[in-house]
Amino acid sequence: MLGTDVSDDWRAVWVLTIHLWTHLLRSQRHFFVTDAIDFAAVHCATLCASISQLRTRLQPSDLEETEAAVSFVAGLMSFSAQWRQRHRHSYDTLLSWLKGCVGVCF
């Protein structure tokens, strides 16, 4: 996620936070999409790091973090038009990281 100096406890908190935001987005949908887009924009660099670690690290905790980040971004893709209008930079950045990982991993 943020590097090797981050403890596993904080990684667990980060993963649970992503799971929470994903669940809220899926259950509340349009009532929560603005907050979810803002979360993605604020944490864009960390989400990209979570996704990109798939290229180099394959430990179970790393895979769980990557899965959580990809699941959150996938949930946001239902609202891609709103996401592009609200935070174009985070939308483009996260999609390019996803495309890069797919291209390298498969």
Protein backbone atom coordinates (compact mmCIF):
# COMPACT_ATOMS: atom_id res chain seq x y z
CA MET A 1 0.00 0.00 0.00
CA LEU A 2 2.04 2.96 1.23
CA GLY A 3 5.34 1.14 1.54
CA THR A 4 6.99 -1.40 3.78
CA ASP A 5 6.95 0.84 6.87
CA VAL A 6 3.16 0.67 7.15
CA SER A 7 2.08 -1.77 9.81
CA ASP A 8 -0.29 -4.62 9.11
CA ASP A 9 -2.75 -3.07 11.57
CA TRP A 10 -3.02 0.10 9.49
CA ARG A 11 -3.27 -1.96 6.33
CA ALA A 12 -6.21 -3.82 7.88
CA VAL A 13 -7.86 -0.50 8.75
CA TRP A 14 -7.35 0.73 5.18
CA VAL A 15 -8.81 -2.45 3.68
CA LEU A 16 -11.82 -2.32 6.03
CA THR A 17 -12.32 1.33 5.11
CA ILE A 18 -12.40 0.48 1.41
CA HIS A 19 -14.85 -2.37 2.11
CA LEU A 20 -17.08 0.04 4.05
CA TRP A 21 -17.10 2.61 1.24
CA THR A 22 -17.81 -0.13 -1.31
CA HIS A 23 -20.71 -1.46 0.75
CA LEU A 24 -22.16 2.03 1.24
CA LEU A 25 -21.87 2.76 -2.47
CA ARG A 26 -23.60 -0.48 -3.42
CA SER A 27 -26.38 -0.16 -0.85
CA GLN A 28 -27.05 3.60 -1.05
CA ARG A 29 -26.18 4.06 -4.74
CA HIS A 30 -27.21 7.56 -5.91
CA PHE A 31 -27.53 8.85 -2.34
CA PHE A 32 -23.84 8.12 -1.70
CA VAL A 33 -22.15 8.46 -5.07
CA THR A 34 -20.90 12.03 -4.54
CA ASP A 35 -19.19 11.06 -1.29
CA ALA A 36 -17.68 7.95 -2.89
CA ILE A 37 -16.33 9.98 -5.82
CA ASP A 38 -14.81 12.48 -3.40
CA PHE A 39 -13.23 9.61 -1.43
CA ALA A 40 -11.72 8.23 -4.63
CA ALA A 41 -10.36 11.66 -5.56
CA VAL A 42 -8.83 12.31 -2.13
CA HIS A 43 -7.32 8.82 -1.88
CA CYS A 44 -6.46 8.41 -5.56
CA ALA A 45 -2.72 7.93 -4.99
CA THR A 46 -3.28 5.33 -2.27
CA LEU A 47 -5.86 3.47 -4.35
CA CYS A 48 -3.40 3.45 -7.28
CA ALA A 49 -0.68 2.09 -5.00
CA SER A 50 -3.06 -0.61 -3.78
CA ILE A 51 -3.85 -1.60 -7.36
CA SER A 52 -0.29 -1.41 -8.68
CA GLN A 53 1.18 -3.65 -5.98
CA LEU A 54 -0.39 -6.54 -7.89
CA ARG A 55 2.57 -6.28 -10.27
CA THR A 56 5.19 -7.04 -7.64
CA ARG A 57 3.70 -8.48 -4.46
CA LEU A 58 1.52 -11.54 -4.16
CA GLN A 59 1.15 -11.96 -0.40
CA PRO A 60 -2.43 -12.66 0.79
CA SER A 61 -2.70 -9.28 2.54
CA ASP A 62 -1.53 -7.50 -0.62
CA LEU A 63 -4.05 -9.37 -2.74
CA GLU A 64 -6.84 -8.59 -0.28
CA GLU A 65 -5.99 -4.89 -0.44
CA THR A 66 -5.85 -4.94 -4.24
CA GLU A 67 -9.15 -6.79 -4.43
CA ALA A 68 -10.81 -4.23 -2.14
CA ALA A 69 -9.50 -1.30 -4.21
CA VAL A 70 -10.53 -2.85 -7.52
CA SER A 71 -13.97 -3.71 -6.14
CA PHE A 72 -14.46 -0.10 -5.02
CA VAL A 73 -13.40 1.30 -8.39
CA ALA A 74 -15.64 -1.23 -10.15
CA GLY A 75 -18.58 -0.02 -8.06
CA LEU A 76 -17.82 3.56 -9.05
CA MET A 77 -17.82 2.65 -12.73
CA SER A 78 -21.62 2.47 -12.61
CA PHE A 79 -21.41 6.23 -12.13
CA SER A 80 -18.61 6.96 -14.58
CA ALA A 81 -20.37 9.97 -16.11
CA GLN A 82 -20.76 11.66 -12.72
CA TRP A 83 -17.23 10.68 -11.74
CA ARG A 84 -15.73 12.17 -14.93
CA GLN A 85 -17.65 15.41 -14.42
CA ARG A 86 -16.79 15.76 -10.74
CA HIS A 87 -13.16 14.55 -10.63
CA ARG A 88 -11.82 13.92 -14.11
CA HIS A 89 -8.21 13.59 -12.95
CA SER A 90 -8.87 10.80 -10.43
CA TYR A 91 -11.06 9.00 -12.97
CA ASP A 92 -8.36 9.08 -15.65
CA THR A 93 -5.58 8.20 -13.20
CA LEU A 94 -7.30 5.19 -11.66
CA LEU A 95 -8.39 3.84 -15.03
CA SER A 96 -4.89 4.13 -16.44
CA TRP A 97 -3.48 2.26 -13.43
CA LEU A 98 -6.09 -0.47 -13.86
CA LYS A 99 -5.33 -0.78 -17.57
CA GLY A 100 -1.62 -0.90 -16.84
CA CYS A 101 -2.02 -3.69 -14.30
CA VAL A 102 -4.25 -5.70 -16.58
CA GLY A 103 -1.75 -5.32 -19.40
CA VAL A 104 1.19 -6.41 -17.25
CA CYS A 105 -0.52 -9.19 -15.30
CA PHE A 106 -2.32 -10.90 -18.16
